Amino acid sequence: MCARNDESAGKRRSTRVRRGCSWLKPTLVQAAWSAIRVKNGYLQAQFHRLRTRRGAKKAILAVAASMLTSIWYMLRNNVPWHDLGSTYLDRADVHRTATRLVHSLEQIGYAVQIMTAPIATP
């Protein structure tokens, strides 16, 4: 379920996914299509982030690979599934998220001035 990393002298070549198991990959991809339909889920957020840059088919394979990694971890450590939520990646690096959103607004013609919000006290 992993893509090849074929790069030499700064040139990237085809990164087709290896064949793998004839029943595992289609099953995981089908499960991934179902998993991205969960509202406000981590896998849905991952799919939408990757789809904009790489396309839907590569994004769904990445989600399937993430699911396989999660399944292995859950079986190894005997722990239940814990969804991180759709805002997990945004919360992980607030500064990067703010910079990305400001850049997006500036690209469509808005002038943006960043100010920190006052902390509300009860």
PDB file of N, CA and C in Angstrom:
ATOM      1  N   MET A   1       0.810  -1.200   0.000  1.00  0.00           N
ATOM      2  CA  MET A   1       0.000   0.000   0.000  1.00  0.00           C
ATOM      3  C   MET A   1       0.852   1.262   0.000  1.00  0.00           C
ATOM      4  N   CYS A   2       2.139   1.140  -0.244  1.00  0.00           N
ATOM      5  CA  CYS A   2       2.958   2.348  -0.224  1.00  0.00           C
ATOM      6  C   CYS A   2       3.406   2.696  -1.643  1.00  0.00           C
ATOM      7  N   ALA A   3       3.488   3.985  -1.892  1.00  0.00           N
ATOM      8  CA  ALA A   3       3.940   4.459  -3.199  1.00  0.00           C
ATOM      9  C   ALA A   3       5.463   4.385  -3.257  1.00  0.00           C
ATOM     10  N   ARG A   4       5.984   4.203  -4.455  1.00  0.00           N
ATOM     11  CA  ARG A   4       7.433   4.170  -4.606  1.00  0.00           C
ATOM     12  C   ARG A   4       7.987   5.576  -4.473  1.00  0.00           C
ATOM     13  N   ASN A   5       9.228   5.662  -4.064  1.00  0.00           N
ATOM     14  CA  ASN A   5       9.917   6.937  -3.983  1.00  0.00           C
ATOM     15  C   ASN A   5      11.056   6.875  -4.990  1.00  0.00           C
ATOM     16  N   ASP A   6      10.772   7.228  -6.219  1.00  0.00           N
ATOM     17  CA  ASP A   6      11.747   7.109  -7.303  1.00  0.00           C
ATOM     18  C   ASP A   6      12.227   8.501  -7.663  1.00  0.00           C
ATOM     19  N   GLU A   7      13.314   8.926  -7.023  1.00  0.00           N
ATOM     20  CA  GLU A   7      13.855  10.258  -7.254  1.00  0.00           C
ATOM     21  C   GLU A   7      15.373  10.153  -7.356  1.00  0.00           C
ATOM     22  N   SER A   8      15.901  10.836  -8.357  1.00  0.00           N
ATOM     23  CA  SER A   8      17.346  10.851  -8.528  1.00  0.00           C
ATOM     24  C   SER A   8      17.731  12.169  -9.178  1.00  0.00           C
ATOM     25  N   ALA A   9      18.727  12.810  -8.639  1.00  0.00           N
ATOM     26  CA  ALA A   9      19.237  14.083  -9.156  1.00  0.00           C
ATOM     27  C   ALA A   9      18.129  15.138  -9.231  1.00  0.00           C
ATOM     28  N   GLY A  10      17.218  15.113  -8.257  1.00  0.00           N
ATOM     29  CA  GLY A  10      16.160  16.112  -8.210  1.00  0.00           C
ATOM     30  C   GLY A  10      14.991  15.851  -9.138  1.00  0.00           C
ATOM     31  N   LYS A  11      15.040  14.775  -9.933  1.00  0.00           N
ATOM     32  CA  LYS A  11      13.931  14.446 -10.835  1.00  0.00           C
ATOM     33  C   LYS A  11      13.090  13.352 -10.212  1.00  0.00           C
ATOM     34  N   ARG A  12      11.784  13.561 -10.221  1.00  0.00           N
ATOM     35  CA  ARG A  12      10.878  12.544  -9.705  1.00  0.00           C
ATOM     36  C   ARG A  12      10.273  11.778 -10.868  1.00  0.00           C
ATOM     37  N   ARG A  13      10.295  10.464 -10.749  1.00  0.00           N
ATOM     38  CA  ARG A  13       9.701   9.617 -11.770  1.00  0.00           C
ATOM     39  C   ARG A  13       8.387   9.047 -11.265  1.00  0.00           C
ATOM     40  N   SER A  14       7.808   8.164 -12.020  1.00  0.00           N
ATOM     41  CA  SER A  14       6.503   7.605 -11.699  1.00  0.00           C
ATOM     42  C   SER A  14       6.485   7.018 -10.294  1.00  0.00           C
ATOM     43  N   THR A  15       5.402   7.285  -9.587  1.00  0.00           N
ATOM     44  CA  THR A  15       5.269   6.776  -8.226  1.00  0.00           C
ATOM     45  C   THR A  15       4.031   5.896  -8.127  1.00  0.00           C
ATOM     46  N   ARG A  16       3.907   4.991  -9.081  1.00  0.00           N
ATOM     47  CA  ARG A  16       2.763   4.078  -9.046  1.00  0.00           C
ATOM     48  C   ARG A  16       2.823   3.228  -7.790  1.00  0.00           C
ATOM     49  N   VAL A  17       1.668   2.891  -7.281  1.00  0.00           N
ATOM     50  CA  VAL A  17       1.587   2.063  -6.079  1.00  0.00           C
ATOM     51  C   VAL A  17       1.894   0.620  -6.462  1.00  0.00           C
ATOM     52  N   ARG A  18       2.647  -0.048  -5.605  1.00  0.00           N
ATOM     53  CA  ARG A  18       2.966  -1.455  -5.855  1.00  0.00           C
ATOM     54  C   ARG A  18       1.712  -2.303  -5.860  1.00  0.00           C
ATOM     55  N   ARG A  19       1.805  -3.460  -6.461  1.00  0.00           N
ATOM     56  CA  ARG A  19       0.622  -4.313  -6.590  1.00  0.00           C
ATOM     57  C   ARG A  19       0.095  -4.753  -5.238  1.00  0.00           C
ATOM     58  N   GLY A  20       0.919  -5.287  -4.389  1.00  0.00           N
ATOM     59  CA  GLY A  20       0.478  -5.716  -3.068  1.00  0.00           C
ATOM     60  C   GLY A  20      -0.474  -6.896  -3.130  1.00  0.00           C
ATOM     61  N   CYS A  21      -1.212  -7.083  -2.077  1.00  0.00           N
ATOM     62  CA  CYS A  21      -2.152  -8.188  -1.960  1.00  0.00           C
ATOM     63  C   CYS A  21      -3.375  -7.913  -2.827  1.00  0.00           C
ATOM     64  N   SER A  22      -3.822  -8.934  -3.558  1.00  0.00           N
ATOM     65  CA  SER A  22      -4.900  -8.742  -4.526  1.00  0.00           C
ATOM     66  C   SER A  22      -6.250  -8.479  -3.869  1.00  0.00           C
ATOM     67  N   TRP A  23      -6.421  -8.793  -2.611  1.00  0.00           N
ATOM     68  CA  TRP A  23      -7.698  -8.544  -1.953  1.00  0.00           C
ATOM     69  C   TRP A  23      -7.613  -7.432  -0.927  1.00  0.00           C
ATOM     70  N   LEU A  24      -6.407  -7.146  -0.401  1.00  0.00           N
ATOM     71  CA  LEU A  24      -6.282  -6.151   0.667  1.00  0.00           C
ATOM     72  C   LEU A  24      -6.464  -4.733   0.140  1.00  0.00           C
ATOM     73  N   LYS A  25      -5.797  -4.409  -0.963  1.00  0.00           N
ATOM     74  CA  LYS A  25      -5.861  -3.036  -1.473  1.00  0.00           C
ATOM     75  C   LYS A  25      -7.280  -2.636  -1.880  1.00  0.00           C
ATOM     76  N   PRO A  26      -7.995  -3.428  -2.674  1.00  0.00           N
ATOM     77  CA  PRO A  26      -9.372  -3.025  -3.018  1.00  0.00           C
ATOM     78  C   PRO A  26     -10.293  -2.921  -1.806  1.00  0.00           C
ATOM     79  N   THR A  27     -10.091  -3.793  -0.827  1.00  0.00           N
ATOM     80  CA  THR A  27     -10.916  -3.750   0.380  1.00  0.00           C
ATOM     81  C   THR A  27     -10.646  -2.478   1.175  1.00  0.00           C
ATOM     82  N   LEU A  28      -9.371  -2.125   1.324  1.00  0.00           N
ATOM     83  CA  LEU A  28      -9.026  -0.909   2.057  1.00  0.00           C
ATOM     84  C   LEU A  28      -9.501   0.340   1.326  1.00  0.00           C
ATOM     85  N   VAL A  29      -9.396   0.346   0.001  1.00  0.00           N
ATOM     86  CA  VAL A  29      -9.848   1.504  -0.769  1.00  0.00           C
ATOM     87  C   VAL A  29     -11.357   1.665  -0.631  1.00  0.00           C
ATOM     88  N   GLN A  30     -12.084   0.562  -0.680  1.00  0.00           N
ATOM     89  CA  GLN A  30     -13.535   0.632  -0.508  1.00  0.00           C
ATOM     90  C   GLN A  30     -13.891   1.126   0.896  1.00  0.00           C
ATOM     91  N   ALA A  31     -13.161   0.657   1.887  1.00  0.00           N
ATOM     92  CA  ALA A  31     -13.399   1.124   3.251  1.00  0.00           C
ATOM     93  C   ALA A  31     -13.039   2.602   3.401  1.00  0.00           C
ATOM     94  N   ALA A  32     -12.000   3.037   2.679  1.00  0.00           N
ATOM     95  CA  ALA A  32     -11.593   4.441   2.748  1.00  0.00           C
ATOM     96  C   ALA A  32     -12.659   5.349   2.151  1.00  0.00           C
ATOM     97  N   TRP A  33     -13.303   4.910   1.058  1.00  0.00           N
ATOM     98  CA  TRP A  33     -14.378   5.713   0.476  1.00  0.00           C
ATOM     99  C   TRP A  33     -15.509   5.891   1.478  1.00  0.00           C
ATOM    100  N   SER A  34     -15.767   4.865   2.284  1.00  0.00           N
ATOM    101  CA  SER A  34     -16.799   4.984   3.319  1.00  0.00           C
ATOM    102  C   SER A  34     -16.325   5.855   4.471  1.00  0.00           C
ATOM    103  N   ALA A  35     -15.051   5.732   4.818  1.00  0.00           N
ATOM    104  CA  ALA A  35     -14.520   6.474   5.968  1.00  0.00           C
ATOM    105  C   ALA A  35     -14.496   7.977   5.728  1.00  0.00           C
ATOM    106  N   ILE A  36     -14.326   8.405   4.485  1.00  0.00           N
ATOM    107  CA  ILE A  36     -14.265   9.851   4.241  1.00  0.00           C
ATOM    108  C   ILE A  36     -15.640  10.493   4.277  1.00  0.00           C
ATOM    109  N   ARG A  37     -16.676   9.692   4.376  1.00  0.00           N
ATOM    110  CA  ARG A  37     -18.024  10.248   4.462  1.00  0.00           C
ATOM    111  C   ARG A  37     -18.452  10.536   5.904  1.00  0.00           C
ATOM    112  N   VAL A  38     -17.597  10.234   6.858  1.00  0.00           N
ATOM    113  CA  VAL A  38     -17.873  10.541   8.263  1.00  0.00           C
ATOM    114  C   VAL A  38     -17.662  12.033   8.467  1.00  0.00           C
ATOM    115  N   LYS A  39     -18.693  12.719   8.909  1.00  0.00           N
ATOM    116  CA  LYS A  39     -18.623  14.169   9.090  1.00  0.00           C
ATOM    117  C   LYS A  39     -17.644  14.525  10.199  1.00  0.00           C
ATOM    118  N   ASN A  40     -16.846  15.543   9.940  1.00  0.00           N
ATOM    119  CA  ASN A  40     -15.873  16.076  10.898  1.00  0.00           C
ATOM    120  C   ASN A  40     -14.905  15.014  11.403  1.00  0.00           C
ATOM    121  N   GLY A  41     -14.492  14.111  10.517  1.00  0.00           N
ATOM    122  CA  GLY A  41     -13.543  13.071  10.889  1.00  0.00           C
ATOM    123  C   GLY A  41     -12.146  13.392  10.373  1.00  0.00           C
ATOM    124  N   TYR A  42     -11.161  12.801  11.004  1.00  0.00           N
ATOM    125  CA  TYR A  42      -9.764  13.021  10.607  1.00  0.00           C
ATOM    126  C   TYR A  42      -9.509  12.520   9.193  1.00  0.00           C
ATOM    127  N   LEU A  43     -10.033  11.343   8.850  1.00  0.00           N
ATOM    128  CA  LEU A  43      -9.774  10.782   7.524  1.00  0.00           C
ATOM    129  C   LEU A  43     -10.423  11.627   6.427  1.00  0.00           C
ATOM    130  N   GLN A  44     -11.585  12.204   6.701  1.00  0.00           N
ATOM    131  CA  GLN A  44     -12.219  13.091   5.726  1.00  0.00           C
ATOM    132  C   GLN A  44     -11.371  14.339   5.523  1.00  0.00           C
ATOM    133  N   ALA A  45     -10.854  14.908   6.605  1.00  0.00           N
ATOM    134  CA  ALA A  45     -10.006  16.095   6.496  1.00  0.00           C
ATOM    135  C   ALA A  45      -8.721  15.772   5.732  1.00  0.00           C
ATOM    136  N   GLN A  46      -8.143  14.608   6.004  1.00  0.00           N
ATOM    137  CA  GLN A  46      -6.931  14.203   5.292  1.00  0.00           C
ATOM    138  C   GLN A  46      -7.216  14.058   3.798  1.00  0.00           C
ATOM    139  N   PHE A  47      -8.336  13.443   3.458  1.00  0.00           N
ATOM    140  CA  PHE A  47      -8.699  13.260   2.054  1.00  0.00           C
ATOM    141  C   PHE A  47      -8.861  14.597   1.343  1.00  0.00           C
ATOM    142  N   HIS A  48      -9.575  15.529   1.959  1.00  0.00           N
ATOM    143  CA  HIS A  48      -9.816  16.811   1.305  1.00  0.00           C
ATOM    144  C   HIS A  48      -8.542  17.631   1.160  1.00  0.00           C
ATOM    145  N   ARG A  49      -7.636  17.532   2.125  1.00  0.00           N
ATOM    146  CA  ARG A  49      -6.353  18.237   2.005  1.00  0.00           C
ATOM    147  C   ARG A  49      -5.533  17.687   0.835  1.00  0.00           C
ATOM    148  N   LEU A  50      -5.495  16.366   0.714  1.00  0.00           N
ATOM    149  CA  LEU A  50      -4.685  15.755  -0.328  1.00  0.00           C
ATOM    150  C   LEU A  50      -5.336  15.846  -1.702  1.00  0.00           C
ATOM    151  N   ARG A  51      -6.670  15.808  -1.755  1.00  0.00           N
ATOM    152  CA  ARG A  51      -7.371  15.829  -3.028  1.00  0.00           C
ATOM    153  C   ARG A  51      -7.105  17.118  -3.794  1.00  0.00           C
ATOM    154  N   THR A  52      -6.978  18.231  -3.084  1.00  0.00           N
ATOM    155  CA  THR A  52      -6.749  19.501  -3.773  1.00  0.00           C
ATOM    156  C   THR A  52      -5.391  19.528  -4.469  1.00  0.00           C
ATOM    157  N   ARG A  53      -4.414  18.840  -3.891  1.00  0.00           N
ATOM    158  CA  ARG A  53      -3.068  18.867  -4.472  1.00  0.00           C
ATOM    159  C   ARG A  53      -2.772  17.693  -5.394  1.00  0.00           C
ATOM    160  N   ARG A  54      -3.255  16.496  -5.050  1.00  0.00           N
ATOM    161  CA  ARG A  54      -2.825  15.293  -5.750  1.00  0.00           C
ATOM    162  C   ARG A  54      -3.912  14.608  -6.568  1.00  0.00           C
ATOM    163  N   GLY A  55      -5.179  14.916  -6.300  1.00  0.00           N
ATOM    164  CA  GLY A  55      -6.265  14.253  -6.998  1.00  0.00           C
ATOM    165  C   GLY A  55      -6.943  13.240  -6.096  1.00  0.00           C
ATOM    166  N   ALA A  56      -8.163  12.868  -6.466  1.00  0.00           N
ATOM    167  CA  ALA A  56      -8.980  12.020  -5.605  1.00  0.00           C
ATOM    168  C   ALA A  56      -8.433  10.607  -5.464  1.00  0.00           C
ATOM    169  N   LYS A  57      -7.919  10.043  -6.559  1.00  0.00           N
ATOM    170  CA  LYS A  57      -7.472   8.648  -6.483  1.00  0.00           C
ATOM    171  C   LYS A  57      -6.224   8.490  -5.619  1.00  0.00           C
ATOM    172  N   LYS A  58      -5.286   9.416  -5.731  1.00  0.00           N
ATOM    173  CA  LYS A  58      -4.096   9.335  -4.884  1.00  0.00           C
ATOM    174  C   LYS A  58      -4.444   9.651  -3.437  1.00  0.00           C
ATOM    175  N   ALA A  59      -5.388  10.548  -3.249  1.00  0.00           N
ATOM    176  CA  ALA A  59      -5.799  10.894  -1.888  1.00  0.00           C
ATOM    177  C   ALA A  59      -6.474   9.710  -1.214  1.00  0.00           C
ATOM    178  N   ILE A  60      -7.308   8.981  -1.947  1.00  0.00           N
ATOM    179  CA  ILE A  60      -8.006   7.846  -1.336  1.00  0.00           C
ATOM    180  C   ILE A  60      -7.018   6.723  -1.009  1.00  0.00           C
ATOM    181  N   LEU A  61      -5.974   6.568  -1.812  1.00  0.00           N
ATOM    182  CA  LEU A  61      -4.939   5.577  -1.482  1.00  0.00           C
ATOM    183  C   LEU A  61      -4.174   5.985  -0.230  1.00  0.00           C
ATOM    184  N   ALA A  62      -3.943   7.278  -0.064  1.00  0.00           N
ATOM    185  CA  ALA A  62      -3.266   7.748   1.147  1.00  0.00           C
ATOM    186  C   ALA A  62      -4.128   7.505   2.376  1.00  0.00           C
ATOM    187  N   VAL A  63      -5.431   7.718   2.246  1.00  0.00           N
ATOM    188  CA  VAL A  63      -6.346   7.451   3.358  1.00  0.00           C
ATOM    189  C   VAL A  63      -6.364   5.954   3.671  1.00  0.00           C
ATOM    190  N   ALA A  64      -6.384   5.124   2.632  1.00  0.00           N
ATOM    191  CA  ALA A  64      -6.361   3.674   2.840  1.00  0.00           C
ATOM    192  C   ALA A  64      -5.070   3.247   3.540  1.00  0.00           C
ATOM    193  N   ALA A  65      -3.954   3.840   3.160  1.00  0.00           N
ATOM    194  CA  ALA A  65      -2.679   3.516   3.813  1.00  0.00           C
ATOM    195  C   ALA A  65      -2.696   3.961   5.273  1.00  0.00           C
ATOM    196  N   SER A  66      -3.299   5.109   5.548  1.00  0.00           N
ATOM    197  CA  SER A  66      -3.427   5.572   6.934  1.00  0.00           C
ATOM    198  C   SER A  66      -4.305   4.623   7.744  1.00  0.00           C
ATOM    199  N   MET A  67      -5.361   4.130   7.113  1.00  0.00           N
ATOM    200  CA  MET A  67      -6.225   3.182   7.795  1.00  0.00           C
ATOM    201  C   MET A  67      -5.482   1.894   8.108  1.00  0.00           C
ATOM    202  N   LEU A  68      -4.666   1.428   7.170  1.00  0.00           N
ATOM    203  CA  LEU A  68      -3.892   0.209   7.390  1.00  0.00           C
ATOM    204  C   LEU A  68      -2.916   0.387   8.546  1.00  0.00           C
ATOM    205  N   THR A  69      -2.277   1.543   8.609  1.00  0.00           N
ATOM    206  CA  THR A  69      -1.362   1.833   9.706  1.00  0.00           C
ATOM    207  C   THR A  69      -2.112   1.861  11.033  1.00  0.00           C
ATOM    208  N   SER A  70      -3.293   2.484  11.034  1.00  0.00           N
ATOM    209  CA  SER A  70      -4.099   2.548  12.253  1.00  0.00           C
ATOM    210  C   SER A  70      -4.560   1.163  12.691  1.00  0.00           C
ATOM    211  N   ILE A  71      -4.959   0.347  11.727  1.00  0.00           N
ATOM    212  CA  ILE A  71      -5.401  -1.013  12.042  1.00  0.00           C
ATOM    213  C   ILE A  71      -4.258  -1.812  12.667  1.00  0.00           C
ATOM    214  N   TRP A  72      -3.072  -1.687  12.102  1.00  0.00           N
ATOM    215  CA  TRP A  72      -1.915  -2.402  12.640  1.00  0.00           C
ATOM    216  C   TRP A  72      -1.629  -1.951  14.069  1.00  0.00           C
ATOM    217  N   TYR A  73      -1.696  -0.636  14.301  1.00  0.00           N
ATOM    218  CA  TYR A  73      -1.439  -0.105  15.640  1.00  0.00           C
ATOM    219  C   TYR A  73      -2.495  -0.587  16.632  1.00  0.00           C
ATOM    220  N   MET A  74      -3.766  -0.590  16.206  1.00  0.00           N
ATOM    221  CA  MET A  74      -4.840  -1.026  17.110  1.00  0.00           C
ATOM    222  C   MET A  74      -4.709  -2.510  17.458  1.00  0.00           C
ATOM    223  N   LEU A  75      -4.348  -3.331  16.472  1.00  0.00           N
ATOM    224  CA  LEU A  75      -4.180  -4.758  16.735  1.00  0.00           C
ATOM    225  C   LEU A  75      -2.953  -5.042  17.596  1.00  0.00           C
ATOM    226  N   ARG A  76      -1.881  -4.299  17.350  1.00  0.00           N
ATOM    227  CA  ARG A  76      -0.656  -4.526  18.103  1.00  0.00           C
ATOM    228  C   ARG A  76      -0.813  -4.139  19.565  1.00  0.00           C
ATOM    229  N   ASN A  77      -1.452  -2.987  19.829  1.00  0.00           N
ATOM    230  CA  ASN A  77      -1.542  -2.478  21.194  1.00  0.00           C
ATOM    231  C   ASN A  77      -2.882  -2.759  21.865  1.00  0.00           C
ATOM    232  N   ASN A  78      -3.794  -3.409  21.138  1.00  0.00           N
ATOM    233  CA  ASN A  78      -5.105  -3.750  21.675  1.00  0.00           C
ATOM    234  C   ASN A  78      -5.833  -2.514  22.211  1.00  0.00           C
ATOM    235  N   VAL A  79      -5.915  -1.476  21.365  1.00  0.00           N
ATOM    236  CA  VAL A  79      -6.602  -0.234  21.732  1.00  0.00           C
ATOM    237  C   VAL A  79      -7.722   0.021  20.732  1.00  0.00           C
ATOM    238  N   PRO A  80      -8.788   0.721  21.151  1.00  0.00           N
ATOM    239  CA  PRO A  80      -9.877   1.030  20.214  1.00  0.00           C
ATOM    240  C   PRO A  80      -9.516   2.201  19.312  1.00  0.00           C
ATOM    241  N   TRP A  81     -10.314   2.397  18.271  1.00  0.00           N
ATOM    242  CA  TRP A  81     -10.126   3.503  17.330  1.00  0.00           C
ATOM    243  C   TRP A  81     -10.474   4.815  18.024  1.00  0.00           C
ATOM    244  N   HIS A  82      -9.613   5.795  17.866  1.00  0.00           N
ATOM    245  CA  HIS A  82      -9.849   7.124  18.427  1.00  0.00           C
ATOM    246  C   HIS A  82      -9.688   8.131  17.298  1.00  0.00           C
ATOM    247  N   ASP A  83     -10.801   8.730  16.871  1.00  0.00           N
ATOM    248  CA  ASP A  83     -10.756   9.707  15.782  1.00  0.00           C
ATOM    249  C   ASP A  83     -10.211  11.024  16.314  1.00  0.00           C
ATOM    250  N   LEU A  84      -9.226  11.571  15.624  1.00  0.00           N
ATOM    251  CA  LEU A  84      -8.584  12.809  16.069  1.00  0.00           C
ATOM    252  C   LEU A  84      -9.415  14.046  15.758  1.00  0.00           C
ATOM    253  N   GLY A  85     -10.353  13.946  14.842  1.00  0.00           N
ATOM    254  CA  GLY A  85     -11.195  15.084  14.496  1.00  0.00           C
ATOM    255  C   GLY A  85     -10.667  15.823  13.283  1.00  0.00           C
ATOM    256  N   SER A  86     -11.549  16.574  12.647  1.00  0.00           N
ATOM    257  CA  SER A  86     -11.184  17.243  11.394  1.00  0.00           C
ATOM    258  C   SER A  86     -10.252  18.427  11.603  1.00  0.00           C
ATOM    259  N   THR A  87     -10.191  18.964  12.805  1.00  0.00           N
ATOM    260  CA  THR A  87      -9.341  20.132  13.044  1.00  0.00           C
ATOM    261  C   THR A  87      -7.995  19.765  13.665  1.00  0.00           C
ATOM    262  N   TYR A  88      -7.681  18.495  13.718  1.00  0.00           N
ATOM    263  CA  TYR A  88      -6.436  18.059  14.360  1.00  0.00           C
ATOM    264  C   TYR A  88      -5.208  18.680  13.704  1.00  0.00           C
ATOM    265  N   LEU A  89      -5.148  18.647  12.380  1.00  0.00           N
ATOM    266  CA  LEU A  89      -3.979  19.179  11.694  1.00  0.00           C
ATOM    267  C   LEU A  89      -3.891  20.696  11.814  1.00  0.00           C
ATOM    268  N   ASP A  90      -5.024  21.372  11.887  1.00  0.00           N
ATOM    269  CA  ASP A  90      -5.014  22.822  12.069  1.00  0.00           C
ATOM    270  C   ASP A  90      -4.579  23.197  13.477  1.00  0.00           C
ATOM    271  N   ARG A  91      -5.004  22.417  14.467  1.00  0.00           N
ATOM    272  CA  ARG A  91      -4.620  22.698  15.848  1.00  0.00           C
ATOM    273  C   ARG A  91      -3.157  22.384  16.104  1.00  0.00           C
ATOM    274  N   ALA A  92      -2.587  21.472  15.322  1.00  0.00           N
ATOM    275  CA  ALA A  92      -1.201  21.054  15.550  1.00  0.00           C
ATOM    276  C   ALA A  92      -0.231  22.208  15.307  1.00  0.00           C
ATOM    277  N   ASP A  93      -0.521  23.053  14.326  1.00  0.00           N
ATOM    278  CA  ASP A  93       0.364  24.179  14.033  1.00  0.00           C
ATOM    279  C   ASP A  93      -0.491  25.396  13.704  1.00  0.00           C
ATOM    280  N   VAL A  94      -0.852  26.143  14.724  1.00  0.00           N
ATOM    281  CA  VAL A  94      -1.755  27.285  14.577  1.00  0.00           C
ATOM    282  C   VAL A  94      -1.114  28.369  13.718  1.00  0.00           C
ATOM    283  N   HIS A  95       0.173  28.613  13.901  1.00  0.00           N
ATOM    284  CA  HIS A  95       0.853  29.669  13.141  1.00  0.00           C
ATOM    285  C   HIS A  95       0.845  29.352  11.645  1.00  0.00           C
ATOM    286  N   ARG A  96       1.108  28.107  11.288  1.00  0.00           N
ATOM    287  CA  ARG A  96       1.118  27.727   9.875  1.00  0.00           C
ATOM    288  C   ARG A  96      -0.284  27.847   9.263  1.00  0.00           C
ATOM    289  N   THR A  97      -1.299  27.477  10.032  1.00  0.00           N
ATOM    290  CA  THR A  97      -2.676  27.592   9.553  1.00  0.00           C
ATOM    291  C   THR A  97      -3.044  29.052   9.318  1.00  0.00           C
ATOM    292  N   ALA A  98      -2.682  29.927  10.255  1.00  0.00           N
ATOM    293  CA  ALA A  98      -2.980  31.355  10.097  1.00  0.00           C
ATOM    294  C   ALA A  98      -2.253  31.921   8.886  1.00  0.00           C
ATOM    295  N   THR A  99      -0.995  31.558   8.697  1.00  0.00           N
ATOM    296  CA  THR A  99      -0.229  32.043   7.550  1.00  0.00           C
ATOM    297  C   THR A  99      -0.846  31.572   6.245  1.00  0.00           C
ATOM    298  N   ARG A 100      -1.287  30.321   6.199  1.00  0.00           N
ATOM    299  CA  ARG A 100      -1.905  29.783   4.990  1.00  0.00           C
ATOM    300  C   ARG A 100      -3.205  30.502   4.665  1.00  0.00           C
ATOM    301  N   LEU A 101      -4.022  30.752   5.682  1.00  0.00           N
ATOM    302  CA  LEU A 101      -5.299  31.426   5.448  1.00  0.00           C
ATOM    303  C   LEU A 101      -5.105  32.886   5.032  1.00  0.00           C
ATOM    304  N   VAL A 102      -4.139  33.574   5.638  1.00  0.00           N
ATOM    305  CA  VAL A 102      -3.841  34.957   5.246  1.00  0.00           C
ATOM    306  C   VAL A 102      -3.356  34.999   3.804  1.00  0.00           C
ATOM    307  N   HIS A 103      -2.505  34.073   3.441  1.00  0.00           N
ATOM    308  CA  HIS A 103      -1.990  34.018   2.070  1.00  0.00           C
ATOM    309  C   HIS A 103      -3.126  33.772   1.070  1.00  0.00           C
ATOM    310  N   SER A 104      -4.074  32.901   1.436  1.00  0.00           N
ATOM    311  CA  SER A 104      -5.218  32.630   0.560  1.00  0.00           C
ATOM    312  C   SER A 104      -6.062  33.880   0.360  1.00  0.00           C
ATOM    313  N   LEU A 105      -6.293  34.632   1.430  1.00  0.00           N
ATOM    314  CA  LEU A 105      -7.067  35.866   1.305  1.00  0.00           C
ATOM    315  C   LEU A 105      -6.336  36.911   0.470  1.00  0.00           C
ATOM    316  N   GLU A 106      -5.034  36.995   0.644  1.00  0.00           N
ATOM    317  CA  GLU A 106      -4.261  37.965  -0.141  1.00  0.00           C
ATOM    318  C   GLU A 106      -4.246  37.607  -1.623  1.00  0.00           C
ATOM    319  N   GLN A 107      -4.295  36.314  -1.933  1.00  0.00           N
ATOM    320  CA  GLN A 107      -4.307  35.902  -3.332  1.00  0.00           C
ATOM    321  C   GLN A 107      -5.591  36.300  -4.039  1.00  0.00           C
ATOM    322  N   ILE A 108      -6.699  36.381  -3.322  1.00  0.00           N
ATOM    323  CA  ILE A 108      -7.949  36.751  -3.975  1.00  0.00           C
ATOM    324  C   ILE A 108      -8.242  38.241  -3.849  1.00  0.00           C
ATOM    325  N   GLY A 109      -7.288  39.014  -3.322  1.00  0.00           N
ATOM    326  CA  GLY A 109      -7.403  40.463  -3.382  1.00  0.00           C
ATOM    327  C   GLY A 109      -7.746  41.180  -2.099  1.00  0.00           C
ATOM    328  N   TYR A 110      -7.680  40.535  -0.961  1.00  0.00           N
ATOM    329  CA  TYR A 110      -7.975  41.190   0.303  1.00  0.00           C
ATOM    330  C   TYR A 110      -6.681  41.626   0.979  1.00  0.00           C
ATOM    331  N   ALA A 111      -6.728  42.768   1.664  1.00  0.00           N
ATOM    332  CA  ALA A 111      -5.608  43.204   2.491  1.00  0.00           C
ATOM    333  C   ALA A 111      -5.892  42.711   3.912  1.00  0.00           C
ATOM    334  N   VAL A 112      -4.952  42.019   4.495  1.00  0.00           N
ATOM    335  CA  VAL A 112      -5.170  41.383   5.792  1.00  0.00           C
ATOM    336  C   VAL A 112      -4.208  41.957   6.810  1.00  0.00           C
ATOM    337  N   GLN A 113      -4.758  42.308   7.983  1.00  0.00           N
ATOM    338  CA  GLN A 113      -3.939  42.757   9.097  1.00  0.00           C
ATOM    339  C   GLN A 113      -4.212  41.802  10.255  1.00  0.00           C
ATOM    340  N   ILE A 114      -3.186  41.196  10.795  1.00  0.00           N
ATOM    341  CA  ILE A 114      -3.352  40.197  11.844  1.00  0.00           C
ATOM    342  C   ILE A 114      -3.252  40.862  13.214  1.00  0.00           C
ATOM    343  N   MET A 115      -4.271  40.599  14.037  1.00  0.00           N
ATOM    344  CA  MET A 115      -4.277  41.062  15.415  1.00  0.00           C
ATOM    345  C   MET A 115      -4.721  39.891  16.290  1.00  0.00           C
ATOM    346  N   THR A 116      -4.124  39.750  17.443  1.00  0.00           N
ATOM    347  CA  THR A 116      -4.541  38.671  18.333  1.00  0.00           C
ATOM    348  C   THR A 116      -5.835  39.075  19.026  1.00  0.00           C
ATOM    349  N   ALA A 117      -6.703  38.129  19.197  1.00  0.00           N
ATOM    350  CA  ALA A 117      -7.986  38.373  19.839  1.00  0.00           C
ATOM    351  C   ALA A 117      -7.792  38.443  21.351  1.00  0.00           C
ATOM    352  N   PRO A 118      -8.513  39.339  22.000  1.00  0.00           N
ATOM    353  CA  PRO A 118      -8.395  39.396  23.472  1.00  0.00           C
ATOM    354  C   PRO A 118      -9.005  38.135  24.088  1.00  0.00           C
ATOM    355  N   ILE A 119      -8.416  37.679  25.148  1.00  0.00           N
ATOM    356  CA  ILE A 119      -8.889  36.478  25.826  1.00  0.00           C
ATOM    357  C   ILE A 119     -10.090  36.847  26.679  1.00  0.00           C
ATOM    358  N   ALA A 120     -11.187  36.151  26.455  1.00  0.00           N
ATOM    359  CA  ALA A 120     -12.419  36.429  27.199  1.00  0.00           C
ATOM    360  C   ALA A 120     -12.323  35.838  28.592  1.00  0.00           C
ATOM    361  N   THR A 121     -12.647  36.665  29.571  1.00  0.00           N
ATOM    362  CA  THR A 121     -12.658  36.184  30.954  1.00  0.00           C
ATOM    363  C   THR A 121     -14.108  36.027  31.409  1.00  0.00           C
ATOM    364  N   PRO A 122     -14.405  34.978  32.157  1.00  0.00           N
ATOM    365  CA  PRO A 122     -15.801  34.752  32.587  1.00  0.00           C
ATOM    366  C   PRO A 122     -16.261  35.679  33.662  1.00  0.00           C
TER     367      PRO A 122
END
